[in-house]
Amino acid sequence: MIALGCDHGGFVLKEAIKKYLEEKNIEYKDFGTYSEESVNYAPYAYRVAKAVADGKAEKGILCCGTGIGISIAANKVKGIRAAVCTNEFCAEMTRKHNDSNILCMGGRVIDAEKAVRLVDIYLNTEFEGGRHIPRINEIAAIENGEEL
């Protein structure tokens, strides 16, 4: 299951992503918002990040105006590696090298067509493991307050 969330600035992207997921028969849960009415992004970031961190969702997708604010909020949840992506290369690399579990995008940065392309790449790219595992472990160590 994919957890989806957005604020008003990412609403159009989220709706296009929902259509893509439905066409691909990919299960998702929409955590809101449900219109372009102005809302704060943090509650939506938290709900999606919590679902991913708790194992209720395999991955998450969050959208706001730039993808930045909503990613910062999501990354405050332990176990989350939310990455802002604006192009195909970043969407691929954040999965291959960072094992990110939430893709973040901005509705004022990319259009819906590009967002769907990035989602397709993101969901279909596997983590490479290997030399990247120690790096992911170091991120977790930082999160746990350990010295590096």
N, C-alpha and C. Protein backbone atom coordinates (compact mmCIF):
# COMPACT_ATOMS: atom_id res chain seq x y z
N MET A 1 0.84 -1.18 0.00
CA MET A 1 0.00 0.00 0.00
C MET A 1 0.89 1.24 0.00
N ILE A 2 0.48 2.24 -0.76
CA ILE A 2 1.19 3.50 -0.85
C ILE A 2 0.38 4.54 -0.09
N ALA A 3 1.03 5.26 0.80
CA ALA A 3 0.39 6.34 1.55
C ALA A 3 0.58 7.65 0.79
N LEU A 4 -0.52 8.37 0.58
CA LEU A 4 -0.48 9.64 -0.15
C LEU A 4 -0.89 10.78 0.75
N GLY A 5 -0.25 11.93 0.55
CA GLY A 5 -0.65 13.12 1.29
C GLY A 5 -0.16 14.37 0.58
N CYS A 6 -0.84 15.47 0.89
CA CYS A 6 -0.46 16.74 0.28
C CYS A 6 -1.06 17.89 1.06
N ASP A 7 -0.57 19.09 0.75
CA ASP A 7 -1.27 20.30 1.15
C ASP A 7 -1.91 20.87 -0.11
N HIS A 8 -2.44 22.07 -0.02
CA HIS A 8 -3.12 22.67 -1.16
C HIS A 8 -2.20 22.85 -2.38
N GLY A 9 -0.91 23.12 -2.14
CA GLY A 9 0.03 23.33 -3.24
C GLY A 9 0.37 22.06 -4.01
N GLY A 10 0.11 20.91 -3.40
CA GLY A 10 0.40 19.63 -4.05
C GLY A 10 -0.84 18.85 -4.44
N PHE A 11 -2.01 19.44 -4.23
CA PHE A 11 -3.26 18.72 -4.46
C PHE A 11 -3.40 18.21 -5.90
N VAL A 12 -3.10 19.02 -6.87
CA VAL A 12 -3.24 18.62 -8.28
C VAL A 12 -2.32 17.44 -8.59
N LEU A 13 -1.09 17.46 -8.06
CA LEU A 13 -0.18 16.34 -8.28
C LEU A 13 -0.73 15.07 -7.64
N LYS A 14 -1.21 15.20 -6.41
CA LYS A 14 -1.72 14.01 -5.70
C LYS A 14 -2.88 13.39 -6.47
N GLU A 15 -3.75 14.18 -7.01
CA GLU A 15 -4.89 13.65 -7.75
C GLU A 15 -4.44 12.92 -9.01
N ALA A 16 -3.43 13.45 -9.70
CA ALA A 16 -2.89 12.78 -10.89
C ALA A 16 -2.21 11.46 -10.49
N ILE A 17 -1.53 11.46 -9.37
CA ILE A 17 -0.86 10.26 -8.88
C ILE A 17 -1.89 9.19 -8.50
N LYS A 18 -2.98 9.59 -7.89
CA LYS A 18 -4.06 8.64 -7.55
C LYS A 18 -4.58 7.96 -8.81
N LYS A 19 -4.78 8.73 -9.86
CA LYS A 19 -5.27 8.17 -11.13
C LYS A 19 -4.27 7.15 -11.67
N TYR A 20 -2.98 7.47 -11.63
CA TYR A 20 -1.93 6.54 -12.07
C TYR A 20 -1.98 5.25 -11.25
N LEU A 21 -2.04 5.38 -9.92
CA LEU A 21 -2.07 4.19 -9.06
C LEU A 21 -3.29 3.33 -9.34
N GLU A 22 -4.43 3.96 -9.56
CA GLU A 22 -5.64 3.21 -9.88
C GLU A 22 -5.49 2.46 -11.20
N GLU A 23 -4.91 3.11 -12.20
CA GLU A 23 -4.69 2.47 -13.50
C GLU A 23 -3.75 1.28 -13.39
N LYS A 24 -2.79 1.34 -12.47
CA LYS A 24 -1.82 0.26 -12.28
C LYS A 24 -2.27 -0.74 -11.22
N ASN A 25 -3.49 -0.56 -10.71
CA ASN A 25 -4.02 -1.43 -9.64
C ASN A 25 -3.10 -1.50 -8.43
N ILE A 26 -2.56 -0.37 -8.06
CA ILE A 26 -1.71 -0.25 -6.88
C ILE A 26 -2.56 0.32 -5.75
N GLU A 27 -2.62 -0.41 -4.67
CA GLU A 27 -3.42 0.02 -3.52
C GLU A 27 -2.80 1.26 -2.88
N TYR A 28 -3.64 2.18 -2.47
CA TYR A 28 -3.15 3.39 -1.79
C TYR A 28 -4.17 3.84 -0.76
N LYS A 29 -3.69 4.67 0.15
CA LYS A 29 -4.57 5.35 1.10
C LYS A 29 -4.27 6.83 1.00
N ASP A 30 -5.31 7.61 0.81
CA ASP A 30 -5.20 9.06 0.69
C ASP A 30 -5.42 9.70 2.06
N PHE A 31 -4.37 10.29 2.61
CA PHE A 31 -4.44 10.93 3.92
C PHE A 31 -4.80 12.42 3.83
N GLY A 32 -5.14 12.89 2.63
CA GLY A 32 -5.55 14.28 2.46
C GLY A 32 -4.38 15.17 2.08
N THR A 33 -4.68 16.38 1.88
CA THR A 33 -5.90 17.14 1.92
C THR A 33 -6.74 16.80 0.69
N TYR A 34 -7.98 17.24 0.71
CA TYR A 34 -8.91 16.81 -0.31
C TYR A 34 -9.42 17.96 -1.18
N SER A 35 -8.72 19.09 -1.16
CA SER A 35 -9.08 20.23 -2.00
C SER A 35 -7.88 21.17 -2.11
N GLU A 36 -8.06 22.24 -2.85
CA GLU A 36 -7.00 23.25 -2.98
C GLU A 36 -7.16 24.36 -1.95
N GLU A 37 -8.02 24.16 -0.97
CA GLU A 37 -8.17 25.13 0.11
C GLU A 37 -6.91 25.11 0.96
N SER A 38 -6.42 26.28 1.32
CA SER A 38 -5.15 26.40 2.04
C SER A 38 -5.16 25.65 3.37
N VAL A 39 -4.13 24.82 3.55
CA VAL A 39 -3.92 24.06 4.79
C VAL A 39 -2.43 24.01 5.08
N ASN A 40 -2.06 23.70 6.30
CA ASN A 40 -0.67 23.48 6.66
C ASN A 40 -0.27 22.06 6.29
N TYR A 41 0.97 21.89 5.86
CA TYR A 41 1.41 20.58 5.36
C TYR A 41 1.82 19.58 6.43
N ALA A 42 2.24 20.05 7.60
CA ALA A 42 2.81 19.15 8.61
C ALA A 42 1.89 18.00 9.02
N PRO A 43 0.61 18.23 9.26
CA PRO A 43 -0.24 17.09 9.66
C PRO A 43 -0.32 16.00 8.59
N TYR A 44 -0.31 16.37 7.33
CA TYR A 44 -0.39 15.38 6.25
C TYR A 44 0.94 14.63 6.12
N ALA A 45 2.03 15.36 6.28
CA ALA A 45 3.35 14.73 6.26
C ALA A 45 3.44 13.72 7.39
N TYR A 46 2.97 14.10 8.57
CA TYR A 46 3.04 13.21 9.73
C TYR A 46 2.22 11.95 9.51
N ARG A 47 1.00 12.09 9.02
CA ARG A 47 0.13 10.92 8.83
C ARG A 47 0.74 9.93 7.84
N VAL A 48 1.27 10.43 6.75
CA VAL A 48 1.89 9.55 5.75
C VAL A 48 3.17 8.93 6.32
N ALA A 49 4.01 9.73 6.93
CA ALA A 49 5.27 9.23 7.48
C ALA A 49 5.01 8.20 8.57
N LYS A 50 4.03 8.43 9.41
CA LYS A 50 3.71 7.48 10.48
C LYS A 50 3.23 6.16 9.89
N ALA A 51 2.42 6.21 8.84
CA ALA A 51 1.94 4.98 8.20
C ALA A 51 3.12 4.18 7.63
N VAL A 52 4.09 4.87 7.04
CA VAL A 52 5.27 4.19 6.48
C VAL A 52 6.14 3.66 7.61
N ALA A 53 6.42 4.48 8.60
CA ALA A 53 7.29 4.07 9.70
C ALA A 53 6.71 2.90 10.49
N ASP A 54 5.40 2.86 10.61
CA ASP A 54 4.73 1.78 11.35
C ASP A 54 4.51 0.53 10.51
N GLY A 55 4.91 0.55 9.24
CA GLY A 55 4.76 -0.61 8.37
C GLY A 55 3.36 -0.80 7.82
N LYS A 56 2.51 0.20 7.97
CA LYS A 56 1.14 0.11 7.42
C LYS A 56 1.13 0.44 5.93
N ALA A 57 2.18 1.12 5.47
CA ALA A 57 2.34 1.45 4.05
C ALA A 57 3.77 1.08 3.65
N GLU A 58 3.91 0.58 2.44
CA GLU A 58 5.24 0.21 1.94
C GLU A 58 6.08 1.45 1.66
N LYS A 59 5.46 2.45 1.05
CA LYS A 59 6.12 3.70 0.71
C LYS A 59 5.10 4.82 0.81
N GLY A 60 5.60 6.05 0.77
CA GLY A 60 4.73 7.21 0.80
C GLY A 60 5.07 8.16 -0.32
N ILE A 61 4.08 8.98 -0.67
CA ILE A 61 4.27 10.05 -1.64
C ILE A 61 3.61 11.28 -1.06
N LEU A 62 4.38 12.36 -0.97
CA LEU A 62 3.90 13.62 -0.41
C LEU A 62 4.14 14.75 -1.40
N CYS A 63 3.19 15.67 -1.47
CA CYS A 63 3.31 16.81 -2.37
C CYS A 63 2.89 18.09 -1.66
N CYS A 64 3.68 19.13 -1.85
CA CYS A 64 3.30 20.48 -1.41
C CYS A 64 3.71 21.43 -2.53
N GLY A 65 3.87 22.70 -2.24
CA GLY A 65 4.24 23.64 -3.29
C GLY A 65 5.59 23.35 -3.91
N THR A 66 6.59 23.06 -3.06
CA THR A 66 7.94 22.76 -3.55
C THR A 66 8.38 21.34 -3.26
N GLY A 67 7.72 20.68 -2.32
CA GLY A 67 8.15 19.37 -1.85
C GLY A 67 9.09 19.48 -0.67
N ILE A 68 9.61 20.67 -0.42
CA ILE A 68 10.62 20.86 0.62
C ILE A 68 10.02 20.83 2.02
N GLY A 69 9.05 21.68 2.28
CA GLY A 69 8.47 21.74 3.62
C GLY A 69 7.89 20.42 4.07
N ILE A 70 7.16 19.78 3.19
CA ILE A 70 6.52 18.51 3.53
C ILE A 70 7.56 17.41 3.76
N SER A 71 8.70 17.49 3.05
CA SER A 71 9.77 16.50 3.27
C SER A 71 10.46 16.74 4.61
N ILE A 72 10.67 17.99 4.97
CA ILE A 72 11.28 18.29 6.26
C ILE A 72 10.41 17.75 7.38
N ALA A 73 9.11 17.99 7.29
CA ALA A 73 8.19 17.49 8.32
C ALA A 73 8.19 15.97 8.37
N ALA A 74 8.13 15.31 7.24
CA ALA A 74 8.12 13.84 7.19
C ALA A 74 9.40 13.26 7.78
N ASN A 75 10.52 13.90 7.52
CA ASN A 75 11.80 13.39 8.00
C ASN A 75 11.97 13.51 9.52
N LYS A 76 11.06 14.18 10.19
CA LYS A 76 11.09 14.24 11.66
C LYS A 76 10.58 12.95 12.29
N VAL A 77 9.92 12.11 11.50
CA VAL A 77 9.42 10.83 12.01
C VAL A 77 10.53 9.80 11.91
N LYS A 78 10.83 9.15 13.01
CA LYS A 78 11.91 8.17 13.06
C LYS A 78 11.70 7.06 12.01
N GLY A 79 12.75 6.77 11.28
CA GLY A 79 12.70 5.72 10.27
C GLY A 79 12.35 6.20 8.88
N ILE A 80 12.08 7.49 8.75
CA ILE A 80 11.69 8.02 7.44
C ILE A 80 12.89 8.62 6.74
N ARG A 81 12.97 8.31 5.45
CA ARG A 81 13.94 8.91 4.55
C ARG A 81 13.15 9.48 3.37
N ALA A 82 12.67 10.71 3.56
CA ALA A 82 11.86 11.38 2.54
C ALA A 82 12.77 12.23 1.66
N ALA A 83 12.62 12.09 0.36
CA ALA A 83 13.49 12.79 -0.59
C ALA A 83 12.67 13.62 -1.57
N VAL A 84 13.07 14.87 -1.75
CA VAL A 84 12.46 15.73 -2.75
C VAL A 84 13.11 15.41 -4.09
N CYS A 85 12.28 15.13 -5.08
CA CYS A 85 12.79 14.84 -6.42
C CYS A 85 12.10 15.73 -7.44
N THR A 86 12.90 16.24 -8.38
CA THR A 86 12.37 17.09 -9.44
C THR A 86 12.67 16.55 -10.83
N ASN A 87 13.42 15.43 -10.87
CA ASN A 87 13.74 14.86 -12.17
C ASN A 87 13.87 13.33 -12.06
N GLU A 88 13.94 12.69 -13.20
CA GLU A 88 13.95 11.24 -13.28
C GLU A 88 15.19 10.64 -12.62
N PHE A 89 16.34 11.26 -12.82
CA PHE A 89 17.58 10.74 -12.25
C PHE A 89 17.50 10.70 -10.73
N CYS A 90 17.02 11.78 -10.13
CA CYS A 90 16.92 11.82 -8.66
C CYS A 90 15.92 10.80 -8.14
N ALA A 91 14.80 10.62 -8.85
CA ALA A 91 13.80 9.64 -8.42
C ALA A 91 14.38 8.23 -8.43
N GLU A 92 15.21 7.93 -9.40
CA GLU A 92 15.86 6.63 -9.47
C GLU A 92 16.93 6.47 -8.41
N MET A 93 17.78 7.47 -8.27
CA MET A 93 18.92 7.37 -7.34
C MET A 93 18.49 7.36 -5.89
N THR A 94 17.41 8.06 -5.55
CA THR A 94 17.00 8.07 -4.15
C THR A 94 16.52 6.69 -3.70
N ARG A 95 16.06 5.89 -4.63
CA ARG A 95 15.70 4.50 -4.30
C ARG A 95 16.94 3.62 -4.33
N LYS A 96 17.73 3.69 -5.39
CA LYS A 96 18.90 2.83 -5.55
C LYS A 96 19.94 3.03 -4.45
N HIS A 97 20.22 4.27 -4.12
CA HIS A 97 21.33 4.56 -3.22
C HIS A 97 20.90 4.92 -1.80
N ASN A 98 19.73 5.53 -1.64
CA ASN A 98 19.31 6.01 -0.32
C ASN A 98 18.21 5.18 0.31
N ASP A 99 17.64 4.24 -0.45
CA ASP A 99 16.51 3.45 0.04
C ASP A 99 15.44 4.34 0.66
N SER A 100 15.18 5.48 0.02
CA SER A 100 14.18 6.40 0.55
C SER A 100 12.82 5.71 0.56
N ASN A 101 12.02 6.10 1.53
CA ASN A 101 10.71 5.47 1.65
C ASN A 101 9.55 6.43 1.43
N ILE A 102 9.86 7.70 1.20
CA ILE A 102 8.84 8.67 0.82
C ILE A 102 9.38 9.57 -0.28
N LEU A 103 8.63 9.67 -1.35
CA LEU A 103 8.94 10.57 -2.46
C LEU A 103 8.17 11.87 -2.24
N CYS A 104 8.87 13.00 -2.33
CA CYS A 104 8.24 14.31 -2.17
C CYS A 104 8.43 15.13 -3.45
N MET A 105 7.36 15.82 -3.83
CA MET A 105 7.41 16.63 -5.04
C MET A 105 6.63 17.92 -4.83
N GLY A 106 6.91 18.91 -5.69
CA GLY A 106 6.26 20.20 -5.57
C GLY A 106 5.37 20.55 -6.75
N GLY A 107 4.14 20.90 -6.45
CA GLY A 107 3.18 21.27 -7.48
C GLY A 107 3.49 22.59 -8.15
N ARG A 108 4.35 23.40 -7.55
CA ARG A 108 4.77 24.66 -8.17
C ARG A 108 6.12 24.52 -8.86
N VAL A 109 6.65 23.28 -8.86
CA VAL A 109 7.97 23.02 -9.43
C VAL A 109 7.86 22.12 -10.66
N ILE A 110 7.02 21.10 -10.58
CA ILE A 110 6.83 20.18 -11.71
C ILE A 110 5.34 20.06 -12.01
N ASP A 111 5.02 19.62 -13.22
CA ASP A 111 3.61 19.43 -13.58
C ASP A 111 3.18 17.99 -13.27
N ALA A 112 1.90 17.75 -13.40
CA ALA A 112 1.32 16.45 -13.04
C ALA A 112 1.89 15.32 -13.89
N GLU A 113 2.12 15.57 -15.16
CA GLU A 113 2.66 14.53 -16.05
C GLU A 113 4.04 14.09 -15.58
N LYS A 114 4.87 15.05 -15.23
CA LYS A 114 6.22 14.71 -14.74
C LYS A 114 6.14 14.01 -13.40
N ALA A 115 5.24 14.45 -12.55
CA ALA A 115 5.08 13.80 -11.23
C ALA A 115 4.75 12.33 -11.39
N VAL A 116 3.87 12.01 -12.31
CA VAL A 116 3.50 10.61 -12.55
C VAL A 116 4.71 9.82 -13.07
N ARG A 117 5.51 10.42 -13.94
CA ARG A 117 6.73 9.75 -14.42
C ARG A 117 7.68 9.47 -13.26
N LEU A 118 7.84 10.43 -12.37
CA LEU A 118 8.74 10.25 -11.23
C LEU A 118 8.21 9.17 -10.29
N VAL A 119 6.91 9.14 -10.09
CA VAL A 119 6.31 8.09 -9.25
C VAL A 119 6.55 6.72 -9.86
N ASP A 120 6.37 6.60 -11.16
CA ASP A 120 6.57 5.32 -11.84
C ASP A 120 8.02 4.84 -11.65
N ILE A 121 8.96 5.72 -11.83
CA ILE A 121 10.38 5.37 -11.64
C ILE A 121 10.62 5.00 -10.18
N TYR A 122 10.15 5.82 -9.28
CA TYR A 122 10.36 5.61 -7.85
C TYR A 122 9.82 4.26 -7.38
N LEU A 123 8.61 3.95 -7.78
CA LEU A 123 7.98 2.71 -7.32
C LEU A 123 8.55 1.46 -7.98
N ASN A 124 9.22 1.64 -9.11
CA ASN A 124 9.76 0.49 -9.83
C ASN A 124 11.27 0.37 -9.75
N THR A 125 11.88 1.10 -8.84
CA THR A 125 13.33 1.04 -8.65
C THR A 125 13.62 0.42 -7.29
N GLU A 126 14.49 -0.57 -7.27
CA GLU A 126 14.86 -1.26 -6.04
C GLU A 126 16.12 -0.66 -5.43
N PHE A 127 16.25 -0.78 -4.14
CA PHE A 127 17.46 -0.40 -3.42
C PHE A 127 18.58 -1.36 -3.81
N GLU A 128 19.75 -0.83 -4.12
CA GLU A 128 20.89 -1.66 -4.53
C GLU A 128 21.56 -2.38 -3.37
N GLY A 129 21.43 -1.86 -2.17
CA GLY A 129 22.11 -2.48 -1.03
C GLY A 129 23.61 -2.31 -1.14
N GLY A 130 24.36 -3.35 -0.79
CA GLY A 130 25.81 -3.34 -0.93
C GLY A 130 26.47 -2.18 -0.22
N ARG A 131 27.27 -1.41 -0.95
CA ARG A 131 28.04 -0.31 -0.38
C ARG A 131 27.17 0.78 0.22
N HIS A 132 25.87 0.76 -0.10
CA HIS A 132 24.97 1.80 0.41
C HIS A 132 24.42 1.47 1.79
N ILE A 133 24.46 0.22 2.19
CA ILE A 133 23.92 -0.19 3.49
C ILE A 133 24.61 0.52 4.65
N PRO A 134 25.95 0.60 4.69
CA PRO A 134 26.58 1.32 5.80
C PRO A 134 26.15 2.79 5.86
N ARG A 135 25.89 3.38 4.73
CA ARG A 135 25.47 4.79 4.69
C ARG A 135 24.07 4.94 5.28
N ILE A 136 23.19 4.00 4.95
CA ILE A 136 21.83 4.02 5.51
C ILE A 136 21.91 3.79 7.02
N ASN A 137 22.80 2.90 7.43
CA ASN A 137 22.98 2.65 8.87
C ASN A 137 23.51 3.88 9.59
N GLU A 138 24.36 4.66 8.94
CA GLU A 138 24.84 5.89 9.56
C GLU A 138 23.73 6.92 9.72
N ILE A 139 22.84 6.97 8.75
CA ILE A 139 21.69 7.87 8.88
C ILE A 139 20.85 7.46 10.09
N ALA A 140 20.62 6.17 10.23
CA ALA A 140 19.86 5.66 11.37
C ALA A 140 20.58 5.96 12.69
N ALA A 141 21.90 5.86 12.70
CA ALA A 141 22.67 6.17 13.90
C ALA A 141 22.49 7.63 14.30
N ILE A 142 22.54 8.52 13.34
CA ILE A 142 22.30 9.94 13.61
C ILE A 142 20.92 10.11 14.22
N GLU A 143 19.94 9.48 13.62
CA GLU A 143 18.56 9.56 14.08
C GLU A 143 18.43 9.08 15.53
N ASN A 144 19.26 8.11 15.89
CA ASN A 144 19.23 7.54 17.25
C ASN A 144 20.14 8.28 18.21
N GLY A 145 20.72 9.40 17.77
CA GLY A 145 21.56 10.20 18.64
C GLY A 145 22.95 9.66 18.88
N GLU A 146 23.38 8.75 18.04
CA GLU A 146 24.72 8.16 18.19
C GLU A 146 25.77 9.06 17.54
N GLU A 147 26.97 8.99 18.07
CA GLU A 147 28.11 9.71 17.50
C GLU A 147 28.63 8.94 16.28
N LEU A 148 29.04 9.64 15.28
CA LEU A 148 29.64 8.97 14.11
C LEU A 148 31.14 9.18 14.13
